[in-house]
Amino acid sequence: MDLKDQLKNLFPDHQVEESEDEKQEENGIWLQDDPIICKYEKRKGKPITILEGYNGADSDFKKLAKELKTKLSVGGSVKGDTIIIQGDFRDKIMELLKNKGFKVKRVGG
């Protein structure tokens, strides 16, 4: 029995309000108010998609990168505060992030 259950037993009429942190958290990944920037580049002649602007925890950022790479079945990496996905998957990535509740901004092209 956790603390919330004990408090419900003591105060059955009390209505619990969700705090801002609990609203922001979904599926273990912190959702932010600012949009994530999704852009396309070519490096050494090969297309890549770059995601920037996430200001949550590093562990959440790595979880998000792993989930995107798994769903798209592509390679990629996390370097600093950017996610680099191999290939041009801007539309699919933007759709996946919007379904998760993120705001996404497309930059360039």
PDB file of N, CA and C in Angstrom:
ATOM      1  N   MET A   1       0.841  -1.176   0.000  1.00  0.00           N
ATOM      2  CA  MET A   1       0.000   0.000   0.000  1.00  0.00           C
ATOM      3  C   MET A   1       0.891   1.246   0.000  1.00  0.00           C
ATOM      4  N   ASP A   2       0.759   2.076  -1.028  1.00  0.00           N
ATOM      5  CA  ASP A   2       1.606   3.259  -1.087  1.00  0.00           C
ATOM      6  C   ASP A   2       0.941   4.448  -0.401  1.00  0.00           C
ATOM      7  N   LEU A   3       1.616   5.554  -0.396  1.00  0.00           N
ATOM      8  CA  LEU A   3       1.177   6.739   0.328  1.00  0.00           C
ATOM      9  C   LEU A   3      -0.162   7.269  -0.191  1.00  0.00           C
ATOM     10  N   LYS A   4      -0.366   7.250  -1.498  1.00  0.00           N
ATOM     11  CA  LYS A   4      -1.619   7.755  -2.067  1.00  0.00           C
ATOM     12  C   LYS A   4      -2.814   6.932  -1.588  1.00  0.00           C
ATOM     13  N   ASP A   5      -2.650   5.600  -1.532  1.00  0.00           N
ATOM     14  CA  ASP A   5      -3.729   4.744  -1.050  1.00  0.00           C
ATOM     15  C   ASP A   5      -4.032   5.019   0.416  1.00  0.00           C
ATOM     16  N   GLN A   6      -2.992   5.211   1.211  1.00  0.00           N
ATOM     17  CA  GLN A   6      -3.187   5.505   2.625  1.00  0.00           C
ATOM     18  C   GLN A   6      -3.914   6.830   2.820  1.00  0.00           C
ATOM     19  N   LEU A   7      -3.541   7.828   2.017  1.00  0.00           N
ATOM     20  CA  LEU A   7      -4.210   9.126   2.123  1.00  0.00           C
ATOM     21  C   LEU A   7      -5.672   9.044   1.678  1.00  0.00           C
ATOM     22  N   LYS A   8      -5.969   8.208   0.665  1.00  0.00           N
ATOM     23  CA  LYS A   8      -7.356   8.021   0.238  1.00  0.00           C
ATOM     24  C   LYS A   8      -8.189   7.401   1.351  1.00  0.00           C
ATOM     25  N   ASN A   9      -7.596   6.465   2.096  1.00  0.00           N
ATOM     26  CA  ASN A   9      -8.311   5.844   3.203  1.00  0.00           C
ATOM     27  C   ASN A   9      -8.590   6.844   4.316  1.00  0.00           C
ATOM     28  N   LEU A  10      -7.640   7.732   4.575  1.00  0.00           N
ATOM     29  CA  LEU A  10      -7.812   8.721   5.632  1.00  0.00           C
ATOM     30  C   LEU A  10      -8.759   9.857   5.224  1.00  0.00           C
ATOM     31  N   PHE A  11      -8.677  10.284   3.948  1.00  0.00           N
ATOM     32  CA  PHE A  11      -9.476  11.399   3.456  1.00  0.00           C
ATOM     33  C   PHE A  11     -10.198  10.979   2.175  1.00  0.00           C
ATOM     34  N   PRO A  12     -11.317  10.245   2.283  1.00  0.00           N
ATOM     35  CA  PRO A  12     -11.986   9.720   1.080  1.00  0.00           C
ATOM     36  C   PRO A  12     -12.631  10.802   0.205  1.00  0.00           C
ATOM     37  N   ASP A  13     -12.951  11.968   0.774  1.00  0.00           N
ATOM     38  CA  ASP A  13     -13.622  13.016   0.004  1.00  0.00           C
ATOM     39  C   ASP A  13     -12.656  13.929  -0.747  1.00  0.00           C
ATOM     40  N   HIS A  14     -11.369  13.821  -0.465  1.00  0.00           N
ATOM     41  CA  HIS A  14     -10.376  14.712  -1.065  1.00  0.00           C
ATOM     42  C   HIS A  14     -10.146  14.363  -2.532  1.00  0.00           C
ATOM     43  N   GLN A  15     -10.156  15.387  -3.401  1.00  0.00           N
ATOM     44  CA  GLN A  15      -9.877  15.206  -4.823  1.00  0.00           C
ATOM     45  C   GLN A  15      -8.413  15.555  -5.084  1.00  0.00           C
ATOM     46  N   VAL A  16      -7.711  14.655  -5.728  1.00  0.00           N
ATOM     47  CA  VAL A  16      -6.292  14.854  -6.006  1.00  0.00           C
ATOM     48  C   VAL A  16      -6.142  15.570  -7.339  1.00  0.00           C
ATOM     49  N   GLU A  17      -5.382  16.673  -7.330  1.00  0.00           N
ATOM     50  CA  GLU A  17      -5.090  17.406  -8.559  1.00  0.00           C
ATOM     51  C   GLU A  17      -3.733  16.979  -9.069  1.00  0.00           C
ATOM     52  N   GLU A  18      -3.628  16.804 -10.398  1.00  0.00           N
ATOM     53  CA  GLU A  18      -2.339  16.431 -10.975  1.00  0.00           C
ATOM     54  C   GLU A  18      -1.431  17.647 -10.995  1.00  0.00           C
ATOM     55  N   SER A  19      -0.201  17.450 -10.579  1.00  0.00           N
ATOM     56  CA  SER A  19       0.752  18.548 -10.640  1.00  0.00           C
ATOM     57  C   SER A  19       1.253  18.705 -12.075  1.00  0.00           C
ATOM     58  N   GLU A  20       1.940  19.794 -12.345  1.00  0.00           N
ATOM     59  CA  GLU A  20       2.438  20.073 -13.696  1.00  0.00           C
ATOM     60  C   GLU A  20       3.428  19.014 -14.149  1.00  0.00           C
ATOM     61  N   ASP A  21       4.241  18.490 -13.213  1.00  0.00           N
ATOM     62  CA  ASP A  21       5.224  17.464 -13.582  1.00  0.00           C
ATOM     63  C   ASP A  21       4.549  16.175 -14.002  1.00  0.00           C
ATOM     64  N   GLU A  22       3.464  15.797 -13.335  1.00  0.00           N
ATOM     65  CA  GLU A  22       2.767  14.566 -13.686  1.00  0.00           C
ATOM     66  C   GLU A  22       2.068  14.692 -15.021  1.00  0.00           C
ATOM     67  N   LYS A  23       1.584  15.893 -15.363  1.00  0.00           N
ATOM     68  CA  LYS A  23       0.952  16.097 -16.658  1.00  0.00           C
ATOM     69  C   LYS A  23       1.975  16.012 -17.787  1.00  0.00           C
ATOM     70  N   GLN A  24       3.185  16.505 -17.538  1.00  0.00           N
ATOM     71  CA  GLN A  24       4.214  16.542 -18.564  1.00  0.00           C
ATOM     72  C   GLN A  24       4.774  15.160 -18.883  1.00  0.00           C
ATOM     73  N   GLU A  25       4.674  14.241 -17.935  1.00  0.00           N
ATOM     74  CA  GLU A  25       5.317  12.938 -18.079  1.00  0.00           C
ATOM     75  C   GLU A  25       4.336  11.961 -18.717  1.00  0.00           C
ATOM     76  N   GLU A  26       4.730  11.327 -19.826  1.00  0.00           N
ATOM     77  CA  GLU A  26       3.900  10.327 -20.473  1.00  0.00           C
ATOM     78  C   GLU A  26       4.818   9.234 -21.006  1.00  0.00           C
ATOM     79  N   ASN A  27       4.515   8.014 -20.664  1.00  0.00           N
ATOM     80  CA  ASN A  27       5.323   6.858 -21.071  1.00  0.00           C
ATOM     81  C   ASN A  27       6.772   7.000 -20.628  1.00  0.00           C
ATOM     82  N   GLY A  28       7.001   7.654 -19.513  1.00  0.00           N
ATOM     83  CA  GLY A  28       8.348   7.771 -18.981  1.00  0.00           C
ATOM     84  C   GLY A  28       9.218   8.816 -19.659  1.00  0.00           C
ATOM     85  N   ILE A  29       8.670   9.573 -20.602  1.00  0.00           N
ATOM     86  CA  ILE A  29       9.452  10.600 -21.300  1.00  0.00           C
ATOM     87  C   ILE A  29       8.832  11.956 -21.016  1.00  0.00           C
ATOM     88  N   TRP A  30       9.666  12.903 -20.606  1.00  0.00           N
ATOM     89  CA  TRP A  30       9.195  14.241 -20.265  1.00  0.00           C
ATOM     90  C   TRP A  30       8.816  14.994 -21.522  1.00  0.00           C
ATOM     91  N   LEU A  31       7.596  15.546 -21.552  1.00  0.00           N
ATOM     92  CA  LEU A  31       7.139  16.340 -22.691  1.00  0.00           C
ATOM     93  C   LEU A  31       7.407  17.812 -22.403  1.00  0.00           C
ATOM     94  N   GLN A  32       7.833  18.530 -23.406  1.00  0.00           N
ATOM     95  CA  GLN A  32       8.204  19.932 -23.217  1.00  0.00           C
ATOM     96  C   GLN A  32       7.250  20.841 -23.962  1.00  0.00           C
ATOM     97  N   ASP A  33       7.303  22.122 -23.619  1.00  0.00           N
ATOM     98  CA  ASP A  33       6.446  23.110 -24.269  1.00  0.00           C
ATOM     99  C   ASP A  33       7.041  23.609 -25.584  1.00  0.00           C
ATOM    100  N   ASP A  34       8.366  23.743 -25.637  1.00  0.00           N
ATOM    101  CA  ASP A  34       9.032  24.228 -26.846  1.00  0.00           C
ATOM    102  C   ASP A  34       9.061  23.124 -27.902  1.00  0.00           C
ATOM    103  N   PRO A  35       8.982  23.492 -29.183  1.00  0.00           N
ATOM    104  CA  PRO A  35       9.004  22.462 -30.221  1.00  0.00           C
ATOM    105  C   PRO A  35      10.400  21.854 -30.415  1.00  0.00           C
ATOM    106  N   ILE A  36      10.416  20.591 -30.818  1.00  0.00           N
ATOM    107  CA  ILE A  36      11.657  19.931 -31.210  1.00  0.00           C
ATOM    108  C   ILE A  36      11.888  20.272 -32.677  1.00  0.00           C
ATOM    109  N   ILE A  37      13.100  20.654 -33.020  1.00  0.00           N
ATOM    110  CA  ILE A  37      13.422  21.061 -34.389  1.00  0.00           C
ATOM    111  C   ILE A  37      13.894  19.841 -35.172  1.00  0.00           C
ATOM    112  N   CYS A  38      13.233  19.599 -36.303  1.00  0.00           N
ATOM    113  CA  CYS A  38      13.542  18.449 -37.155  1.00  0.00           C
ATOM    114  C   CYS A  38      14.080  18.994 -38.480  1.00  0.00           C
ATOM    115  N   LYS A  39      15.354  18.685 -38.781  1.00  0.00           N
ATOM    116  CA  LYS A  39      15.928  19.202 -40.029  1.00  0.00           C
ATOM    117  C   LYS A  39      16.672  18.109 -40.787  1.00  0.00           C
ATOM    118  N   TYR A  40      16.927  18.386 -42.040  1.00  0.00           N
ATOM    119  CA  TYR A  40      17.525  17.439 -42.974  1.00  0.00           C
ATOM    120  C   TYR A  40      18.861  17.991 -43.448  1.00  0.00           C
ATOM    121  N   GLU A  41      19.871  17.123 -43.498  1.00  0.00           N
ATOM    122  CA  GLU A  41      21.182  17.512 -44.013  1.00  0.00           C
ATOM    123  C   GLU A  41      21.764  16.353 -44.815  1.00  0.00           C
ATOM    124  N   LYS A  42      22.809  16.676 -45.552  1.00  0.00           N
ATOM    125  CA  LYS A  42      23.599  15.636 -46.215  1.00  0.00           C
ATOM    126  C   LYS A  42      25.010  15.736 -45.689  1.00  0.00           C
ATOM    127  N   ARG A  43      25.521  14.617 -45.213  1.00  0.00           N
ATOM    128  CA  ARG A  43      26.906  14.558 -44.746  1.00  0.00           C
ATOM    129  C   ARG A  43      27.605  13.454 -45.514  1.00  0.00           C
ATOM    130  N   LYS A  44      28.709  13.830 -46.163  1.00  0.00           N
ATOM    131  CA  LYS A  44      29.471  12.905 -47.005  1.00  0.00           C
ATOM    132  C   LYS A  44      28.576  12.265 -48.068  1.00  0.00           C
ATOM    133  N   GLY A  45      27.613  13.043 -48.580  1.00  0.00           N
ATOM    134  CA  GLY A  45      26.740  12.584 -49.648  1.00  0.00           C
ATOM    135  C   GLY A  45      25.574  11.734 -49.190  1.00  0.00           C
ATOM    136  N   LYS A  46      25.457  11.473 -47.900  1.00  0.00           N
ATOM    137  CA  LYS A  46      24.378  10.627 -47.405  1.00  0.00           C
ATOM    138  C   LYS A  46      23.388  11.471 -46.600  1.00  0.00           C
ATOM    139  N   PRO A  47      22.078  11.202 -46.781  1.00  0.00           N
ATOM    140  CA  PRO A  47      21.068  11.998 -46.072  1.00  0.00           C
ATOM    141  C   PRO A  47      20.946  11.598 -44.599  1.00  0.00           C
ATOM    142  N   ILE A  48      20.757  12.600 -43.743  1.00  0.00           N
ATOM    143  CA  ILE A  48      20.494  12.348 -42.331  1.00  0.00           C
ATOM    144  C   ILE A  48      19.398  13.300 -41.849  1.00  0.00           C
ATOM    145  N   THR A  49      18.695  12.871 -40.810  1.00  0.00           N
ATOM    146  CA  THR A  49      17.684  13.704 -40.168  1.00  0.00           C
ATOM    147  C   THR A  49      18.192  14.044 -38.780  1.00  0.00           C
ATOM    148  N   ILE A  50      18.133  15.320 -38.419  1.00  0.00           N
ATOM    149  CA  ILE A  50      18.663  15.777 -37.137  1.00  0.00           C
ATOM    150  C   ILE A  50      17.514  16.339 -36.291  1.00  0.00           C
ATOM    151  N   LEU A  51      17.446  15.908 -35.040  1.00  0.00           N
ATOM    152  CA  LEU A  51      16.462  16.415 -34.088  1.00  0.00           C
ATOM    153  C   LEU A  51      17.198  17.194 -33.007  1.00  0.00           C
ATOM    154  N   GLU A  52      16.778  18.428 -32.767  1.00  0.00           N
ATOM    155  CA  GLU A  52      17.419  19.288 -31.771  1.00  0.00           C
ATOM    156  C   GLU A  52      16.351  19.968 -30.924  1.00  0.00           C
ATOM    157  N   GLY A  53      16.766  20.483 -29.784  1.00  0.00           N
ATOM    158  CA  GLY A  53      15.893  21.329 -28.987  1.00  0.00           C
ATOM    159  C   GLY A  53      15.180  20.633 -27.855  1.00  0.00           C
ATOM    160  N   TYR A  54      15.538  19.398 -27.507  1.00  0.00           N
ATOM    161  CA  TYR A  54      14.909  18.720 -26.371  1.00  0.00           C
ATOM    162  C   TYR A  54      15.605  19.181 -25.104  1.00  0.00           C
ATOM    163  N   ASN A  55      14.835  19.629 -24.107  1.00  0.00           N
ATOM    164  CA  ASN A  55      15.458  20.145 -22.897  1.00  0.00           C
ATOM    165  C   ASN A  55      15.142  19.306 -21.660  1.00  0.00           C
ATOM    166  N   GLY A  56      14.784  18.048 -21.859  1.00  0.00           N
ATOM    167  CA  GLY A  56      14.545  17.156 -20.726  1.00  0.00           C
ATOM    168  C   GLY A  56      15.828  16.472 -20.292  1.00  0.00           C
ATOM    169  N   ALA A  57      15.680  15.383 -19.549  1.00  0.00           N
ATOM    170  CA  ALA A  57      16.830  14.640 -19.040  1.00  0.00           C
ATOM    171  C   ALA A  57      17.518  13.876 -20.167  1.00  0.00           C
ATOM    172  N   ASP A  58      18.818  13.637 -20.010  1.00  0.00           N
ATOM    173  CA  ASP A  58      19.580  12.899 -21.018  1.00  0.00           C
ATOM    174  C   ASP A  58      19.064  11.483 -21.182  1.00  0.00           C
ATOM    175  N   SER A  59      18.664  10.847 -20.076  1.00  0.00           N
ATOM    176  CA  SER A  59      18.172   9.469 -20.167  1.00  0.00           C
ATOM    177  C   SER A  59      16.879   9.412 -20.978  1.00  0.00           C
ATOM    178  N   ASP A  60      16.000  10.417 -20.824  1.00  0.00           N
ATOM    179  CA  ASP A  60      14.773  10.475 -21.620  1.00  0.00           C
ATOM    180  C   ASP A  60      15.092  10.706 -23.090  1.00  0.00           C
ATOM    181  N   PHE A  61      16.105  11.526 -23.350  1.00  0.00           N
ATOM    182  CA  PHE A  61      16.520  11.818 -24.725  1.00  0.00           C
ATOM    183  C   PHE A  61      17.033  10.548 -25.399  1.00  0.00           C
ATOM    184  N   LYS A  62      17.798   9.753 -24.666  1.00  0.00           N
ATOM    185  CA  LYS A  62      18.310   8.495 -25.211  1.00  0.00           C
ATOM    186  C   LYS A  62      17.187   7.492 -25.433  1.00  0.00           C
ATOM    187  N   LYS A  63      16.201   7.461 -24.524  1.00  0.00           N
ATOM    188  CA  LYS A  63      15.037   6.572 -24.705  1.00  0.00           C
ATOM    189  C   LYS A  63      14.277   6.943 -25.964  1.00  0.00           C
ATOM    190  N   LEU A  64      14.095   8.250 -26.166  1.00  0.00           N
ATOM    191  CA  LEU A  64      13.382   8.741 -27.341  1.00  0.00           C
ATOM    192  C   LEU A  64      14.127   8.365 -28.621  1.00  0.00           C
ATOM    193  N   ALA A  65      15.445   8.521 -28.619  1.00  0.00           N
ATOM    194  CA  ALA A  65      16.252   8.166 -29.789  1.00  0.00           C
ATOM    195  C   ALA A  65      16.147   6.676 -30.086  1.00  0.00           C
ATOM    196  N   LYS A  66      16.234   5.864 -29.055  1.00  0.00           N
ATOM    197  CA  LYS A  66      16.159   4.416 -29.249  1.00  0.00           C
ATOM    198  C   LYS A  66      14.792   4.009 -29.797  1.00  0.00           C
ATOM    199  N   GLU A  67      13.743   4.623 -29.273  1.00  0.00           N
ATOM    200  CA  GLU A  67      12.401   4.305 -29.754  1.00  0.00           C
ATOM    201  C   GLU A  67      12.222   4.692 -31.220  1.00  0.00           C
ATOM    202  N   LEU A  68      12.721   5.876 -31.603  1.00  0.00           N
ATOM    203  CA  LEU A  68      12.615   6.307 -32.990  1.00  0.00           C
ATOM    204  C   LEU A  68      13.386   5.375 -33.918  1.00  0.00           C
ATOM    205  N   LYS A  69      14.603   5.020 -33.527  1.00  0.00           N
ATOM    206  CA  LYS A  69      15.423   4.137 -34.365  1.00  0.00           C
ATOM    207  C   LYS A  69      14.767   2.760 -34.509  1.00  0.00           C
ATOM    208  N   THR A  70      14.148   2.277 -33.442  1.00  0.00           N
ATOM    209  CA  THR A  70      13.499   0.970 -33.489  1.00  0.00           C
ATOM    210  C   THR A  70      12.271   0.998 -34.391  1.00  0.00           C
ATOM    211  N   LYS A  71      11.439   2.029 -34.243  1.00  0.00           N
ATOM    212  CA  LYS A  71      10.216   2.111 -35.037  1.00  0.00           C
ATOM    213  C   LYS A  71      10.502   2.315 -36.520  1.00  0.00           C
ATOM    214  N   LEU A  72      11.576   3.044 -36.836  1.00  0.00           N
ATOM    215  CA  LEU A  72      11.914   3.303 -38.229  1.00  0.00           C
ATOM    216  C   LEU A  72      12.836   2.238 -38.813  1.00  0.00           C
ATOM    217  N   SER A  73      13.382   1.378 -37.965  1.00  0.00           N
ATOM    218  CA  SER A  73      14.326   0.330 -38.382  1.00  0.00           C
ATOM    219  C   SER A  73      15.537   0.914 -39.108  1.00  0.00           C
ATOM    220  N   VAL A  74      16.123   1.933 -38.515  1.00  0.00           N
ATOM    221  CA  VAL A  74      17.302   2.573 -39.088  1.00  0.00           C
ATOM    222  C   VAL A  74      18.343   2.773 -37.997  1.00  0.00           C
ATOM    223  N   GLY A  75      19.534   3.171 -38.404  1.00  0.00           N
ATOM    224  CA  GLY A  75      20.595   3.472 -37.458  1.00  0.00           C
ATOM    225  C   GLY A  75      20.588   4.939 -37.100  1.00  0.00           C
ATOM    226  N   GLY A  76      21.364   5.265 -36.103  1.00  0.00           N
ATOM    227  CA  GLY A  76      21.464   6.648 -35.686  1.00  0.00           C
ATOM    228  C   GLY A  76      22.270   6.742 -34.415  1.00  0.00           C
ATOM    229  N   SER A  77      22.390   7.953 -33.894  1.00  0.00           N
ATOM    230  CA  SER A  77      23.164   8.145 -32.670  1.00  0.00           C
ATOM    231  C   SER A  77      22.675   9.383 -31.936  1.00  0.00           C
ATOM    232  N   VAL A  78      23.128   9.494 -30.682  1.00  0.00           N
ATOM    233  CA  VAL A  78      22.856  10.670 -29.864  1.00  0.00           C
ATOM    234  C   VAL A  78      24.198  11.330 -29.598  1.00  0.00           C
ATOM    235  N   LYS A  79      24.352  12.567 -30.038  1.00  0.00           N
ATOM    236  CA  LYS A  79      25.591  13.310 -29.812  1.00  0.00           C
ATOM    237  C   LYS A  79      25.245  14.646 -29.194  1.00  0.00           C
ATOM    238  N   GLY A  80      25.661  14.826 -27.949  1.00  0.00           N
ATOM    239  CA  GLY A  80      25.366  16.069 -27.246  1.00  0.00           C
ATOM    240  C   GLY A  80      23.877  16.215 -27.041  1.00  0.00           C
ATOM    241  N   ASP A  81      23.306  17.278 -27.591  1.00  0.00           N
ATOM    242  CA  ASP A  81      21.870  17.514 -27.456  1.00  0.00           C
ATOM    243  C   ASP A  81      21.136  17.314 -28.778  1.00  0.00           C
ATOM    244  N   THR A  82      21.672  16.453 -29.658  1.00  0.00           N
ATOM    245  CA  THR A  82      21.023  16.165 -30.936  1.00  0.00           C
ATOM    246  C   THR A  82      20.868  14.663 -31.131  1.00  0.00           C
ATOM    247  N   ILE A  83      19.809  14.299 -31.836  1.00  0.00           N
ATOM    248  CA  ILE A  83      19.614  12.917 -32.282  1.00  0.00           C
ATOM    249  C   ILE A  83      19.860  12.922 -33.779  1.00  0.00           C
ATOM    250  N   ILE A  84      20.720  12.023 -34.244  1.00  0.00           N
ATOM    251  CA  ILE A  84      21.028  11.911 -35.663  1.00  0.00           C
ATOM    252  C   ILE A  84      20.482  10.579 -36.151  1.00  0.00           C
ATOM    253  N   ILE A  85      19.554  10.623 -37.125  1.00  0.00           N
ATOM    254  CA  ILE A  85      18.937   9.430 -37.705  1.00  0.00           C
ATOM    255  C   ILE A  85      19.422   9.308 -39.144  1.00  0.00           C
ATOM    256  N   GLN A  86      19.852   8.122 -39.531  1.00  0.00           N
ATOM    257  CA  GLN A  86      20.334   7.901 -40.897  1.00  0.00           C
ATOM    258  C   GLN A  86      19.154   7.854 -41.858  1.00  0.00           C
ATOM    259  N   GLY A  87      19.196   8.709 -42.891  1.00  0.00           N
ATOM    260  CA  GLY A  87      18.140   8.744 -43.890  1.00  0.00           C
ATOM    261  C   GLY A  87      17.230   9.950 -43.707  1.00  0.00           C
ATOM    262  N   ASP A  88      16.377  10.172 -44.712  1.00  0.00           N
ATOM    263  CA  ASP A  88      15.434  11.291 -44.681  1.00  0.00           C
ATOM    264  C   ASP A  88      14.079  10.761 -44.202  1.00  0.00           C
ATOM    265  N   PHE A  89      13.828  10.867 -42.909  1.00  0.00           N
ATOM    266  CA  PHE A  89      12.597  10.372 -42.312  1.00  0.00           C
ATOM    267  C   PHE A  89      11.846  11.488 -41.584  1.00  0.00           C
ATOM    268  N   ARG A  90      11.945  12.716 -42.087  1.00  0.00           N
ATOM    269  CA  ARG A  90      11.338  13.856 -41.393  1.00  0.00           C
ATOM    270  C   ARG A  90       9.844  13.677 -41.176  1.00  0.00           C
ATOM    271  N   ASP A  91       9.112  13.269 -42.217  1.00  0.00           N
ATOM    272  CA  ASP A  91       7.657  13.149 -42.098  1.00  0.00           C
ATOM    273  C   ASP A  91       7.263  12.079 -41.090  1.00  0.00           C
ATOM    274  N   LYS A  92       7.905  10.922 -41.155  1.00  0.00           N
ATOM    275  CA  LYS A  92       7.572   9.836 -40.226  1.00  0.00           C
ATOM    276  C   LYS A  92       7.943  10.188 -38.787  1.00  0.00           C
ATOM    277  N   ILE A  93       9.103  10.822 -38.611  1.00  0.00           N
ATOM    278  CA  ILE A  93       9.542  11.209 -37.266  1.00  0.00           C
ATOM    279  C   ILE A  93       8.595  12.253 -36.686  1.00  0.00           C
ATOM    280  N   MET A  94       8.212  13.225 -37.503  1.00  0.00           N
ATOM    281  CA  MET A  94       7.301  14.264 -37.019  1.00  0.00           C
ATOM    282  C   MET A  94       5.955  13.661 -36.624  1.00  0.00           C
ATOM    283  N   GLU A  95       5.465  12.719 -37.398  1.00  0.00           N
ATOM    284  CA  GLU A  95       4.194  12.060 -37.072  1.00  0.00           C
ATOM    285  C   GLU A  95       4.300  11.259 -35.772  1.00  0.00           C
ATOM    286  N   LEU A  96       5.403  10.512 -35.600  1.00  0.00           N
ATOM    287  CA  LEU A  96       5.597   9.738 -34.370  1.00  0.00           C
ATOM    288  C   LEU A  96       5.684  10.645 -33.147  1.00  0.00           C
ATOM    289  N   LEU A  97       6.424  11.743 -33.258  1.00  0.00           N
ATOM    290  CA  LEU A  97       6.568  12.652 -32.126  1.00  0.00           C
ATOM    291  C   LEU A  97       5.257  13.371 -31.798  1.00  0.00           C
ATOM    292  N   LYS A  98       4.485  13.726 -32.813  1.00  0.00           N
ATOM    293  CA  LYS A  98       3.192  14.367 -32.560  1.00  0.00           C
ATOM    294  C   LYS A  98       2.241  13.399 -31.875  1.00  0.00           C
ATOM    295  N   ASN A  99       2.290  12.132 -32.253  1.00  0.00           N
ATOM    296  CA  ASN A  99       1.438  11.129 -31.605  1.00  0.00           C
ATOM    297  C   ASN A  99       1.818  10.939 -30.144  1.00  0.00           C
ATOM    298  N   LYS A 100       3.089  11.147 -29.813  1.00  0.00           N
ATOM    299  CA  LYS A 100       3.543  11.025 -28.435  1.00  0.00           C
ATOM    300  C   LYS A 100       3.217  12.272 -27.612  1.00  0.00           C
ATOM    301  N   GLY A 101       2.844  13.367 -28.285  1.00  0.00           N
ATOM    302  CA  GLY A 101       2.474  14.590 -27.579  1.00  0.00           C
ATOM    303  C   GLY A 101       3.488  15.715 -27.682  1.00  0.00           C
ATOM    304  N   PHE A 102       4.541  15.533 -28.455  1.00  0.00           N
ATOM    305  CA  PHE A 102       5.543  16.574 -28.638  1.00  0.00           C
ATOM    306  C   PHE A 102       5.091  17.571 -29.689  1.00  0.00           C
ATOM    307  N   LYS A 103       5.612  18.786 -29.593  1.00  0.00           N
ATOM    308  CA  LYS A 103       5.448  19.777 -30.649  1.00  0.00           C
ATOM    309  C   LYS A 103       6.698  19.697 -31.512  1.00  0.00           C
ATOM    310  N   VAL A 104       6.513  19.642 -32.819  1.00  0.00           N
ATOM    311  CA  VAL A 104       7.651  19.476 -33.735  1.00  0.00           C
ATOM    312  C   VAL A 104       7.616  20.583 -34.770  1.00  0.00           C
ATOM    313  N   LYS A 105       8.787  21.139 -35.056  1.00  0.00           N
ATOM    314  CA  LYS A 105       8.913  22.194 -36.064  1.00  0.00           C
ATOM    315  C   LYS A 105       9.856  21.709 -37.154  1.00  0.00           C
ATOM    316  N   ARG A 106       9.416  21.778 -38.404  1.00  0.00           N
ATOM    317  CA  ARG A 106      10.229  21.367 -39.540  1.00  0.00           C
ATOM    318  C   ARG A 106      11.043  22.554 -40.018  1.00  0.00           C
ATOM    319  N   VAL A 107      12.351  22.339 -40.168  1.00  0.00           N
ATOM    320  CA  VAL A 107      13.245  23.418 -40.586  1.00  0.00           C
ATOM    321  C   VAL A 107      13.897  23.024 -41.893  1.00  0.00           C
ATOM    322  N   GLY A 108      13.831  23.903 -42.889  1.00  0.00           N
ATOM    323  CA  GLY A 108      14.494  23.689 -44.164  1.00  0.00           C
ATOM    324  C   GLY A 108      13.835  22.642 -45.030  1.00  0.00           C
ATOM    325  N   GLY A 109      13.443  23.045 -46.216  1.00  0.00           N
ATOM    326  CA  GLY A 109      12.912  22.124 -47.210  1.00  0.00           C
ATOM    327  C   GLY A 109      11.564  21.636 -46.983  1.00  0.00           C
TER     328      GLY A 109
END
